[in-house]
Full PDB file with SEQRES, HELIX, SHEET, SSBOND, CRYST1, ORIGX, SCALE, CONECT and MASTER records, all heavy atoms in Angstrom:
SEQRES   1 A   40  PHE THR LEU GLU THR THR SER GLY TRP VAL ASP PHE LEU          
SEQRES   2 A   40  GLY GLU VAL ALA GLY VAL GLY ARG TYR GLU ALA ALA LEU          
SEQRES   3 A   40  GLU HIS ALA THR ARG MET GLU LEU THR ASP ASP ALA SER          
SEQRES   4 A   40  LEU                                                          
HELIX    1 AA1 TYR A   22  LEU A   26  1                                   5    
SHEET    1 AA1 2 THR A   2  THR A   5  0                                        
SHEET    2 AA1 2 GLY A   8  ASP A  11 -1                                        
SHEET    1 AA2 2 GLU A  15  VAL A  16  0                                        
SHEET    2 AA2 2 GLY A  20  ARG A  21 -1                                        
CRYST1    1.000    1.000    1.000  90.00  90.00  90.00 P 1           1          
ORIGX1      1.000000  0.000000  0.000000        0.00000                         
ORIGX2      0.000000  1.000000  0.000000        0.00000                         
ORIGX3      0.000000  0.000000  1.000000        0.00000                         
SCALE1      1.000000  0.000000  0.000000        0.00000                         
SCALE2      0.000000  1.000000  0.000000        0.00000                         
SCALE3      0.000000  0.000000  1.000000        0.00000                         
ATOM      1  N   PHE A   1       8.177  -1.430   5.509  1.00  0.00           N  
ATOM      2  CA  PHE A   1       8.843  -2.681   5.832  1.00  0.00           C  
ATOM      3  C   PHE A   1      10.134  -2.385   6.586  1.00  0.00           C  
ATOM      4  O   PHE A   1      11.017  -1.708   6.062  1.00  0.00           O  
ATOM      5  CB  PHE A   1       9.130  -3.485   4.562  1.00  0.00           C  
ATOM      6  CG  PHE A   1       7.879  -3.865   3.840  1.00  0.00           C  
ATOM      7  CD1 PHE A   1       7.337  -3.020   2.879  1.00  0.00           C  
ATOM      8  CD2 PHE A   1       7.210  -5.036   4.162  1.00  0.00           C  
ATOM      9  CE1 PHE A   1       6.160  -3.338   2.240  1.00  0.00           C  
ATOM     10  CE2 PHE A   1       6.022  -5.358   3.530  1.00  0.00           C  
ATOM     11  CZ  PHE A   1       5.494  -4.513   2.564  1.00  0.00           C  
ATOM     12  N   THR A   2      10.220  -2.877   7.794  1.00  0.00           N  
ATOM     13  CA  THR A   2      11.397  -2.718   8.640  1.00  0.00           C  
ATOM     14  C   THR A   2      12.126  -4.052   8.617  1.00  0.00           C  
ATOM     15  O   THR A   2      11.658  -5.027   9.212  1.00  0.00           O  
ATOM     16  CB  THR A   2      10.977  -2.329  10.068  1.00  0.00           C  
ATOM     17  OG1 THR A   2      10.188  -1.147   9.996  1.00  0.00           O  
ATOM     18  CG2 THR A   2      12.173  -2.078  10.952  1.00  0.00           C  
ATOM     19  N   LEU A   3      13.253  -4.068   7.916  1.00  0.00           N  
ATOM     20  CA  LEU A   3      13.911  -5.334   7.609  1.00  0.00           C  
ATOM     21  C   LEU A   3      15.325  -5.410   8.154  1.00  0.00           C  
ATOM     22  O   LEU A   3      16.011  -4.405   8.293  1.00  0.00           O  
ATOM     23  CB  LEU A   3      13.970  -5.531   6.090  1.00  0.00           C  
ATOM     24  CG  LEU A   3      12.642  -5.451   5.338  1.00  0.00           C  
ATOM     25  CD1 LEU A   3      12.898  -5.470   3.831  1.00  0.00           C  
ATOM     26  CD2 LEU A   3      11.719  -6.579   5.751  1.00  0.00           C  
ATOM     27  N   GLU A   4      15.743  -6.648   8.411  1.00  0.00           N  
ATOM     28  CA  GLU A   4      17.160  -6.923   8.608  1.00  0.00           C  
ATOM     29  C   GLU A   4      17.593  -7.736   7.399  1.00  0.00           C  
ATOM     30  O   GLU A   4      16.816  -8.515   6.847  1.00  0.00           O  
ATOM     31  CB  GLU A   4      17.415  -7.654   9.915  1.00  0.00           C  
ATOM     32  CG  GLU A   4      16.703  -8.971  10.077  1.00  0.00           C  
ATOM     33  CD  GLU A   4      16.951  -9.599  11.441  1.00  0.00           C  
ATOM     34  OE1 GLU A   4      16.609  -8.983  12.452  1.00  0.00           O  
ATOM     35  OE2 GLU A   4      17.492 -10.722  11.457  1.00  0.00           O  
ATOM     36  N   THR A   5      18.813  -7.488   6.965  1.00  0.00           N  
ATOM     37  CA  THR A   5      19.353  -8.212   5.816  1.00  0.00           C  
ATOM     38  C   THR A   5      20.753  -8.683   6.180  1.00  0.00           C  
ATOM     39  O   THR A   5      21.286  -8.323   7.240  1.00  0.00           O  
ATOM     40  CB  THR A   5      19.448  -7.312   4.563  1.00  0.00           C  
ATOM     41  OG1 THR A   5      20.543  -6.404   4.714  1.00  0.00           O  
ATOM     42  CG2 THR A   5      18.141  -6.549   4.313  1.00  0.00           C  
ATOM     43  N   THR A   6      21.348  -9.444   5.300  1.00  0.00           N  
ATOM     44  CA  THR A   6      22.722  -9.884   5.531  1.00  0.00           C  
ATOM     45  C   THR A   6      23.701  -8.718   5.474  1.00  0.00           C  
ATOM     46  O   THR A   6      24.853  -8.861   5.885  1.00  0.00           O  
ATOM     47  CB  THR A   6      23.132 -10.955   4.495  1.00  0.00           C  
ATOM     48  OG1 THR A   6      22.900 -10.434   3.178  1.00  0.00           O  
ATOM     49  CG2 THR A   6      22.343 -12.238   4.691  1.00  0.00           C  
ATOM     50  N   SER A   7      23.247  -7.557   5.007  1.00  0.00           N  
ATOM     51  CA  SER A   7      24.108  -6.368   4.944  1.00  0.00           C  
ATOM     52  C   SER A   7      23.632  -5.244   5.854  1.00  0.00           C  
ATOM     53  O   SER A   7      24.060  -4.106   5.693  1.00  0.00           O  
ATOM     54  CB  SER A   7      24.191  -5.858   3.500  1.00  0.00           C  
ATOM     55  OG  SER A   7      24.905  -6.767   2.717  1.00  0.00           O  
ATOM     56  N   GLY A   8      22.764  -5.536   6.786  1.00  0.00           N  
ATOM     57  CA  GLY A   8      22.337  -4.517   7.732  1.00  0.00           C  
ATOM     58  C   GLY A   8      20.847  -4.266   7.689  1.00  0.00           C  
ATOM     59  O   GLY A   8      20.094  -4.954   7.005  1.00  0.00           O  
ATOM     60  N   TRP A   9      20.449  -3.263   8.440  1.00  0.00           N  
ATOM     61  CA  TRP A   9      19.044  -2.923   8.589  1.00  0.00           C  
ATOM     62  C   TRP A   9      18.629  -1.899   7.536  1.00  0.00           C  
ATOM     63  O   TRP A   9      19.353  -0.949   7.249  1.00  0.00           O  
ATOM     64  CB  TRP A   9      18.781  -2.337   9.962  1.00  0.00           C  
ATOM     65  CG  TRP A   9      18.959  -3.297  11.095  1.00  0.00           C  
ATOM     66  CD1 TRP A   9      19.167  -4.653  11.035  1.00  0.00           C  
ATOM     67  CD2 TRP A   9      18.941  -2.976  12.479  1.00  0.00           C  
ATOM     68  NE1 TRP A   9      19.280  -5.186  12.288  1.00  0.00           N  
ATOM     69  CE2 TRP A   9      19.150  -4.176  13.203  1.00  0.00           C  
ATOM     70  CE3 TRP A   9      18.784  -1.794  13.173  1.00  0.00           C  
ATOM     71  CZ2 TRP A   9      19.172  -4.212  14.596  1.00  0.00           C  
ATOM     72  CZ3 TRP A   9      18.814  -1.830  14.562  1.00  0.00           C  
ATOM     73  CH2 TRP A   9      19.009  -3.026  15.260  1.00  0.00           C  
ATOM     74  N   VAL A  10      17.430  -2.088   7.008  1.00  0.00           N  
ATOM     75  CA  VAL A  10      16.882  -1.149   6.042  1.00  0.00           C  
ATOM     76  C   VAL A  10      15.382  -1.043   6.274  1.00  0.00           C  
ATOM     77  O   VAL A  10      14.718  -2.040   6.546  1.00  0.00           O  
ATOM     78  CB  VAL A  10      17.203  -1.566   4.580  1.00  0.00           C  
ATOM     79  CG1 VAL A  10      16.646  -2.928   4.244  1.00  0.00           C  
ATOM     80  CG2 VAL A  10      16.728  -0.520   3.590  1.00  0.00           C  
ATOM     81  N   ASP A  11      14.885   0.178   6.221  1.00  0.00           N  
ATOM     82  CA  ASP A  11      13.451   0.433   6.325  1.00  0.00           C  
ATOM     83  C   ASP A  11      12.981   0.971   4.985  1.00  0.00           C  
ATOM     84  O   ASP A  11      13.484   1.998   4.516  1.00  0.00           O  
ATOM     85  CB  ASP A  11      13.141   1.469   7.417  1.00  0.00           C  
ATOM     86  CG  ASP A  11      13.537   0.998   8.807  1.00  0.00           C  
ATOM     87  OD1 ASP A  11      13.838  -0.199   8.980  1.00  0.00           O  
ATOM     88  OD2 ASP A  11      13.561   1.842   9.720  1.00  0.00           O  
ATOM     89  N   PHE A  12      12.034   0.286   4.375  1.00  0.00           N  
ATOM     90  CA  PHE A  12      11.424   0.748   3.131  1.00  0.00           C  
ATOM     91  C   PHE A  12      10.080   1.362   3.476  1.00  0.00           C  
ATOM     92  O   PHE A  12       9.218   0.697   4.043  1.00  0.00           O  
ATOM     93  CB  PHE A  12      11.246  -0.408   2.136  1.00  0.00           C  
ATOM     94  CG  PHE A  12      12.545  -0.911   1.593  1.00  0.00           C  
ATOM     95  CD1 PHE A  12      13.022  -2.152   1.955  1.00  0.00           C  
ATOM     96  CD2 PHE A  12      13.300  -0.134   0.735  1.00  0.00           C  
ATOM     97  CE1 PHE A  12      14.223  -2.619   1.463  1.00  0.00           C  
ATOM     98  CE2 PHE A  12      14.511  -0.590   0.234  1.00  0.00           C  
ATOM     99  CZ  PHE A  12      14.970  -1.838   0.601  1.00  0.00           C  
ATOM    100  N   LEU A  13       9.914   2.625   3.154  1.00  0.00           N  
ATOM    101  CA  LEU A  13       8.711   3.372   3.503  1.00  0.00           C  
ATOM    102  C   LEU A  13       7.985   3.798   2.234  1.00  0.00           C  
ATOM    103  O   LEU A  13       8.587   4.380   1.330  1.00  0.00           O  
ATOM    104  CB  LEU A  13       9.088   4.594   4.338  1.00  0.00           C  
ATOM    105  CG  LEU A  13       9.963   4.285   5.569  1.00  0.00           C  
ATOM    106  CD1 LEU A  13      10.473   5.561   6.200  1.00  0.00           C  
ATOM    107  CD2 LEU A  13       9.199   3.450   6.569  1.00  0.00           C  
ATOM    108  N   GLY A  14       6.689   3.536   2.205  1.00  0.00           N  
ATOM    109  CA  GLY A  14       5.878   3.914   1.058  1.00  0.00           C  
ATOM    110  C   GLY A  14       5.442   5.359   1.102  1.00  0.00           C  
ATOM    111  O   GLY A  14       5.112   5.946   0.075  1.00  0.00           O  
ATOM    112  N   GLU A  15       5.424   5.933   2.298  1.00  0.00           N  
ATOM    113  CA  GLU A  15       5.154   7.356   2.479  1.00  0.00           C  
ATOM    114  C   GLU A  15       5.734   7.785   3.811  1.00  0.00           C  
ATOM    115  O   GLU A  15       5.978   6.960   4.681  1.00  0.00           O  
ATOM    116  CB  GLU A  15       3.661   7.670   2.383  1.00  0.00           C  
ATOM    117  CG  GLU A  15       2.818   7.082   3.484  1.00  0.00           C  
ATOM    118  CD  GLU A  15       1.330   7.375   3.308  1.00  0.00           C  
ATOM    119  OE1 GLU A  15       0.909   7.792   2.219  1.00  0.00           O  
ATOM    120  OE2 GLU A  15       0.602   7.180   4.281  1.00  0.00           O  
ATOM    121  N   VAL A  16       5.947   9.083   3.943  1.00  0.00           N  
ATOM    122  CA  VAL A  16       6.561   9.629   5.148  1.00  0.00           C  
ATOM    123  C   VAL A  16       5.720  10.807   5.626  1.00  0.00           C  
ATOM    124  O   VAL A  16       5.412  11.715   4.837  1.00  0.00           O  
ATOM    125  CB  VAL A  16       8.015  10.081   4.868  1.00  0.00           C  
ATOM    126  CG1 VAL A  16       8.627  10.751   6.083  1.00  0.00           C  
ATOM    127  CG2 VAL A  16       8.862   8.898   4.427  1.00  0.00           C  
ATOM    128  N   ALA A  17       5.373  10.795   6.907  1.00  0.00           N  
ATOM    129  CA  ALA A  17       4.614  11.909   7.488  1.00  0.00           C  
ATOM    130  C   ALA A  17       5.385  13.203   7.279  1.00  0.00           C  
ATOM    131  O   ALA A  17       6.599  13.254   7.433  1.00  0.00           O  
ATOM    132  CB  ALA A  17       4.378  11.665   8.975  1.00  0.00           C  
ATOM    133  N   GLY A  18       4.670  14.248   6.893  1.00  0.00           N  
ATOM    134  CA  GLY A  18       5.295  15.547   6.671  1.00  0.00           C  
ATOM    135  C   GLY A  18       5.911  15.710   5.302  1.00  0.00           C  
ATOM    136  O   GLY A  18       6.290  16.814   4.910  1.00  0.00           O  
ATOM    137  N   VAL A  19       6.028  14.610   4.556  1.00  0.00           N  
ATOM    138  CA  VAL A  19       6.656  14.638   3.233  1.00  0.00           C  
ATOM    139  C   VAL A  19       5.724  14.045   2.179  1.00  0.00           C  
ATOM    140  O   VAL A  19       5.581  14.579   1.092  1.00  0.00           O  
ATOM    141  CB  VAL A  19       8.008  13.881   3.244  1.00  0.00           C  
ATOM    142  CG1 VAL A  19       8.597  13.782   1.848  1.00  0.00           C  
ATOM    143  CG2 VAL A  19       8.989  14.543   4.194  1.00  0.00           C  
ATOM    144  N   GLY A  20       5.118  12.923   2.468  1.00  0.00           N  
ATOM    145  CA  GLY A  20       4.237  12.249   1.528  1.00  0.00           C  
ATOM    146  C   GLY A  20       4.897  11.061   0.868  1.00  0.00           C  
ATOM    147  O   GLY A  20       5.832  10.474   1.399  1.00  0.00           O  
ATOM    148  N   ARG A  21       4.402  10.729  -0.312  1.00  0.00           N  
ATOM    149  CA  ARG A  21       4.928   9.604  -1.087  1.00  0.00           C  
ATOM    150  C   ARG A  21       6.129  10.045  -1.922  1.00  0.00           C  
ATOM    151  O   ARG A  21       6.456  11.223  -1.993  1.00  0.00           O  
ATOM    152  CB  ARG A  21       3.838   9.025  -1.975  1.00  0.00           C  
ATOM    153  CG  ARG A  21       2.745   8.344  -1.157  1.00  0.00           C  
ATOM    154  CD  ARG A  21       1.735   7.638  -2.026  1.00  0.00           C  
ATOM    155  NE  ARG A  21       0.770   6.949  -1.190  1.00  0.00           N  
ATOM    156  CZ  ARG A  21       0.578   5.642  -1.219  1.00  0.00           C  
ATOM    157  NH1 ARG A  21       1.250   4.884  -2.047  1.00  0.00           N  
ATOM    158  NH2 ARG A  21      -0.311   5.088  -0.413  1.00  0.00           N  
ATOM    159  N   TYR A  22       6.730   9.082  -2.577  1.00  0.00           N  
ATOM    160  CA  TYR A  22       7.924   9.310  -3.404  1.00  0.00           C  
ATOM    161  C   TYR A  22       7.736  10.481  -4.369  1.00  0.00           C  
ATOM    162  O   TYR A  22       8.589  11.359  -4.465  1.00  0.00           O  
ATOM    163  CB  TYR A  22       8.253   8.017  -4.168  1.00  0.00           C  
ATOM    164  CG  TYR A  22       9.367   8.166  -5.170  1.00  0.00           C  
ATOM    165  CD1 TYR A  22      10.692   7.989  -4.789  1.00  0.00           C  
ATOM    166  CD2 TYR A  22       9.097   8.488  -6.502  1.00  0.00           C  
ATOM    167  CE1 TYR A  22      11.719   8.120  -5.708  1.00  0.00           C  
ATOM    168  CE2 TYR A  22      10.118   8.622  -7.427  1.00  0.00           C  
ATOM    169  CZ  TYR A  22      11.423   8.444  -7.020  1.00  0.00           C  
ATOM    170  OH  TYR A  22      12.440   8.586  -7.927  1.00  0.00           O  
ATOM    171  N   GLU A  23       6.612  10.487  -5.081  1.00  0.00           N  
ATOM    172  CA  GLU A  23       6.387  11.505  -6.105  1.00  0.00           C  
ATOM    173  C   GLU A  23       6.385  12.914  -5.511  1.00  0.00           C  
ATOM    174  O   GLU A  23       6.900  13.852  -6.116  1.00  0.00           O  
ATOM    175  CB  GLU A  23       5.069  11.231  -6.846  1.00  0.00           C  
ATOM    176  CG  GLU A  23       5.083   9.971  -7.685  1.00  0.00           C  
ATOM    177  CD  GLU A  23       4.881   8.675  -6.897  1.00  0.00           C  
ATOM    178  OE1 GLU A  23       4.649   8.724  -5.664  1.00  0.00           O  
ATOM    179  OE2 GLU A  23       4.971   7.605  -7.511  1.00  0.00           O  
ATOM    180  N   ALA A  24       5.807  13.076  -4.327  1.00  0.00           N  
ATOM    181  CA  ALA A  24       5.777  14.383  -3.670  1.00  0.00           C  
ATOM    182  C   ALA A  24       7.169  14.776  -3.167  1.00  0.00           C  
ATOM    183  O   ALA A  24       7.547  15.946  -3.200  1.00  0.00           O  
ATOM    184  CB  ALA A  24       4.786  14.370  -2.512  1.00  0.00           C  
ATOM    185  N   ALA A  25       7.928  13.797  -2.707  1.00  0.00           N  
ATOM    186  CA  ALA A  25       9.261  14.069  -2.153  1.00  0.00           C  
ATOM    187  C   ALA A  25      10.301  14.327  -3.232  1.00  0.00           C  
ATOM    188  O   ALA A  25      11.332  14.950  -2.968  1.00  0.00           O  
ATOM    189  CB  ALA A  25       9.699  12.898  -1.279  1.00  0.00           C  
ATOM    190  N   LEU A  26      10.031  13.859  -4.444  1.00  0.00           N  
ATOM    191  CA  LEU A  26      11.010  13.956  -5.521  1.00  0.00           C  
ATOM    192  C   LEU A  26      11.473  15.390  -5.760  1.00  0.00           C  
ATOM    193  O   LEU A  26      12.659  15.638  -5.986  1.00  0.00           O  
ATOM    194  CB  LEU A  26      10.413  13.361  -6.796  1.00  0.00           C  
ATOM    195  CG  LEU A  26      11.363  13.003  -7.918  1.00  0.00           C  
ATOM    196  CD1 LEU A  26      12.493  12.105  -7.435  1.00  0.00           C  
ATOM    197  CD2 LEU A  26      10.592  12.311  -9.034  1.00  0.00           C  
ATOM    198  N   GLU A  27      10.565  16.346  -5.677  1.00  0.00           N  
ATOM    199  CA  GLU A  27      10.956  17.739  -5.916  1.00  0.00           C  
ATOM    200  C   GLU A  27      11.753  18.323  -4.744  1.00  0.00           C  
ATOM    201  O   GLU A  27      12.284  19.429  -4.848  1.00  0.00           O  
ATOM    202  CB  GLU A  27       9.725  18.590  -6.210  1.00  0.00           C  
ATOM    203  CG  GLU A  27       8.756  18.724  -5.048  1.00  0.00           C  
ATOM    204  CD  GLU A  27       7.484  19.449  -5.433  1.00  0.00           C  
ATOM    205  OE1 GLU A  27       6.682  18.870  -6.184  1.00  0.00           O  
ATOM    206  OE2 GLU A  27       7.328  20.598  -4.975  1.00  0.00           O  
ATOM    207  N   HIS A  28      11.849  17.580  -3.646  1.00  0.00           N  
ATOM    208  CA  HIS A  28      12.602  18.026  -2.467  1.00  0.00           C  
ATOM    209  C   HIS A  28      13.825  17.144  -2.219  1.00  0.00           C  
ATOM    210  O   HIS A  28      14.290  17.033  -1.091  1.00  0.00           O  
ATOM    211  CB  HIS A  28      11.697  18.026  -1.232  1.00  0.00           C  
ATOM    212  CG  HIS A  28      10.494  18.887  -1.396  1.00  0.00           C  
ATOM    213  ND1 HIS A  28      10.557  20.263  -1.341  1.00  0.00           N  
ATOM    214  CD2 HIS A  28       9.200  18.575  -1.659  1.00  0.00           C  
ATOM    215  CE1 HIS A  28       9.355  20.758  -1.546  1.00  0.00           C  
ATOM    216  NE2 HIS A  28       8.519  19.764  -1.741  1.00  0.00           N  
ATOM    217  N   ALA A  29      14.301  16.514  -3.279  1.00  0.00           N  
ATOM    218  CA  ALA A  29      15.460  15.626  -3.157  1.00  0.00           C  
ATOM    219  C   ALA A  29      16.556  16.120  -4.084  1.00  0.00           C  
ATOM    220  O   ALA A  29      16.296  16.727  -5.116  1.00  0.00           O  
ATOM    221  CB  ALA A  29      15.064  14.198  -3.515  1.00  0.00           C  
ATOM    222  N   THR A  30      17.774  15.857  -3.690  1.00  0.00           N  
ATOM    223  CA  THR A  30      18.925  16.240  -4.493  1.00  0.00           C  
ATOM    224  C   THR A  30      19.882  15.052  -4.587  1.00  0.00           C  
ATOM    225  O   THR A  30      19.928  14.218  -3.679  1.00  0.00           O  
ATOM    226  CB  THR A  30      19.628  17.467  -3.875  1.00  0.00           C  
ATOM    227  OG1 THR A  30      20.673  17.886  -4.730  1.00  0.00           O  
ATOM    228  CG2 THR A  30      20.197  17.177  -2.508  1.00  0.00           C  
ATOM    229  N   ARG A  31      20.617  14.960  -5.672  1.00  0.00           N  
ATOM    230  CA  ARG A  31      21.580  13.865  -5.847  1.00  0.00           C  
ATOM    231  C   ARG A  31      22.822  14.141  -5.005  1.00  0.00           C  
ATOM    232  O   ARG A  31      23.386  15.226  -5.056  1.00  0.00           O  
ATOM    233  CB  ARG A  31      21.971  13.713  -7.313  1.00  0.00           C  
ATOM    234  CG  ARG A  31      20.825  13.202  -8.149  1.00  0.00           C  
ATOM    235  CD  ARG A  31      21.316  12.476  -9.403  1.00  0.00           C  
ATOM    236  NE  ARG A  31      20.193  11.842 -10.055  1.00  0.00           N  
ATOM    237  CZ  ARG A  31      19.667  10.672  -9.718  1.00  0.00           C  
ATOM    238  NH1 ARG A  31      20.182   9.991  -8.729  1.00  0.00           N  
ATOM    239  NH2 ARG A  31      18.636  10.164 -10.354  1.00  0.00           N  
ATOM    240  N   MET A  32      23.215  13.119  -4.254  1.00  0.00           N  
ATOM    241  CA  MET A  32      24.418  13.213  -3.422  1.00  0.00           C  
ATOM    242  C   MET A  32      25.205  11.916  -3.572  1.00  0.00           C  
ATOM    243  O   MET A  32      24.626  10.846  -3.722  1.00  0.00           O  
ATOM    244  CB  MET A  32      24.047  13.462  -1.959  1.00  0.00           C  
ATOM    245  CG  MET A  32      23.289  14.768  -1.741  1.00  0.00           C  
ATOM    246  SD  MET A  32      22.833  15.033  -0.021  1.00  0.00           S  
ATOM    247  CE  MET A  32      24.319  15.795   0.583  1.00  0.00           C  
ATOM    248  N   GLU A  33      26.508  12.025  -3.487  1.00  0.00           N  
ATOM    249  CA  GLU A  33      27.384  10.865  -3.643  1.00  0.00           C  
ATOM    250  C   GLU A  33      27.546  10.158  -2.299  1.00  0.00           C  
ATOM    251  O   GLU A  33      28.421  10.503  -1.515  1.00  0.00           O  
ATOM    252  CB  GLU A  33      28.736  11.308  -4.193  1.00  0.00           C  
ATOM    253  CG  GLU A  33      28.612  12.075  -5.481  1.00  0.00           C  
ATOM    254  CD  GLU A  33      29.302  11.413  -6.645  1.00  0.00           C  
ATOM    255  OE1 GLU A  33      30.103  10.511  -6.431  1.00  0.00           O  
ATOM    256  OE2 GLU A  33      29.011  11.833  -7.775  1.00  0.00           O  
ATOM    257  N   LEU A  34      26.720   9.154  -2.064  1.00  0.00           N  
ATOM    258  CA  LEU A  34      26.835   8.339  -0.859  1.00  0.00           C  
ATOM    259  C   LEU A  34      27.670   7.104  -1.131  1.00  0.00           C  
ATOM    260  O   LEU A  34      28.290   6.548  -0.241  1.00  0.00           O  
ATOM    261  CB  LEU A  34      25.447   7.918  -0.366  1.00  0.00           C  
ATOM    262  CG  LEU A  34      24.450   9.039  -0.083  1.00  0.00           C  
ATOM    263  CD1 LEU A  34      23.117   8.465   0.360  1.00  0.00           C  
ATOM    264  CD2 LEU A  34      24.999  10.003   0.958  1.00  0.00           C  
ATOM    265  N   THR A  35      27.647   6.659  -2.382  1.00  0.00           N  
ATOM    266  CA  THR A  35      28.434   5.520  -2.861  1.00  0.00           C  
ATOM    267  C   THR A  35      28.969   5.921  -4.233  1.00  0.00           C  
ATOM    268  O   THR A  35      28.923   7.091  -4.593  1.00  0.00           O  
ATOM    269  CB  THR A  35      27.557   4.251  -2.979  1.00  0.00           C  
ATOM    270  OG1 THR A  35      26.551   4.480  -3.963  1.00  0.00           O  
ATOM    271  CG2 THR A  35      26.916   3.885  -1.653  1.00  0.00           C  
ATOM    272  N   ASP A  36      29.414   4.952  -5.003  1.00  0.00           N  
ATOM    273  CA  ASP A  36      29.904   5.250  -6.351  1.00  0.00           C  
ATOM    274  C   ASP A  36      28.796   5.804  -7.235  1.00  0.00           C  
ATOM    275  O   ASP A  36      29.058   6.538  -8.176  1.00  0.00           O  
ATOM    276  CB  ASP A  36      30.512   3.999  -6.988  1.00  0.00           C  
ATOM    277  CG  ASP A  36      31.788   3.571  -6.281  1.00  0.00           C  
ATOM    278  OD1 ASP A  36      32.412   4.424  -5.613  1.00  0.00           O  
ATOM    279  OD2 ASP A  36      32.160   2.389  -6.379  1.00  0.00           O  
ATOM    280  N   ASP A  37      27.551   5.425  -6.939  1.00  0.00           N  
ATOM    281  CA  ASP A  37      26.396   5.958  -7.663  1.00  0.00           C  
ATOM    282  C   ASP A  37      25.737   7.029  -6.806  1.00  0.00           C  
ATOM    283  O   ASP A  37      25.490   6.804  -5.622  1.00  0.00           O  
ATOM    284  CB  ASP A  37      25.371   4.842  -7.938  1.00  0.00           C  
ATOM    285  CG  ASP A  37      25.900   3.801  -8.891  1.00  0.00           C  
ATOM    286  OD1 ASP A  37      26.270   4.169 -10.014  1.00  0.00           O  
ATOM    287  OD2 ASP A  37      25.947   2.617  -8.502  1.00  0.00           O  
ATOM    288  N   ALA A  38      25.446   8.164  -7.389  1.00  0.00           N  
ATOM    289  CA  ALA A  38      24.771   9.231  -6.645  1.00  0.00           C  
ATOM    290  C   ALA A  38      23.349   8.783  -6.317  1.00  0.00           C  
ATOM    291  O   ALA A  38      22.662   8.190  -7.138  1.00  0.00           O  
ATOM    292  CB  ALA A  38      24.751  10.513  -7.454  1.00  0.00           C  
ATOM    293  N   SER A  39      22.922   9.059  -5.096  1.00  0.00           N  
ATOM    294  CA  SER A  39      21.576   8.720  -4.631  1.00  0.00           C  
ATOM    295  C   SER A  39      20.774   9.989  -4.436  1.00  0.00           C  
ATOM    296  O   SER A  39      21.318  11.037  -4.087  1.00  0.00           O  
ATOM    297  CB  SER A  39      21.646   7.989  -3.281  1.00  0.00           C  
ATOM    298  OG  SER A  39      22.343   6.780  -3.376  1.00  0.00           O  
ATOM    299  N   LEU A  40      19.475   9.891  -4.633  1.00  0.00           N  
ATOM    300  CA  LEU A  40      18.601  10.994  -4.267  1.00  0.00           C  
ATOM    301  C   LEU A  40      18.489  11.012  -2.745  1.00  0.00           C  
ATOM    302  O   LEU A  40      18.249   9.976  -2.119  1.00  0.00           O  
ATOM    303  CB  LEU A  40      17.218  10.819  -4.884  1.00  0.00           C  
ATOM    304  CG  LEU A  40      17.107  11.102  -6.369  1.00  0.00           C  
ATOM    305  CD1 LEU A  40      15.720  10.737  -6.881  1.00  0.00           C  
ATOM    306  CD2 LEU A  40      17.413  12.566  -6.662  1.00  0.00           C  
TER     307      LEU A  40                                                      
MASTER        0    0    0    1    4    0    0    6  306    1    0    4          
END                                                                             
């Protein structure tokens, strides 16, 4: 889903070429402080 919102553009992807779905990518993600809450 490629969306525009009142706070900007966001793309929600169910899978990513070369990476796969969320579950496959989880082991290749790290927590980083992008906001007050750390994001994967």
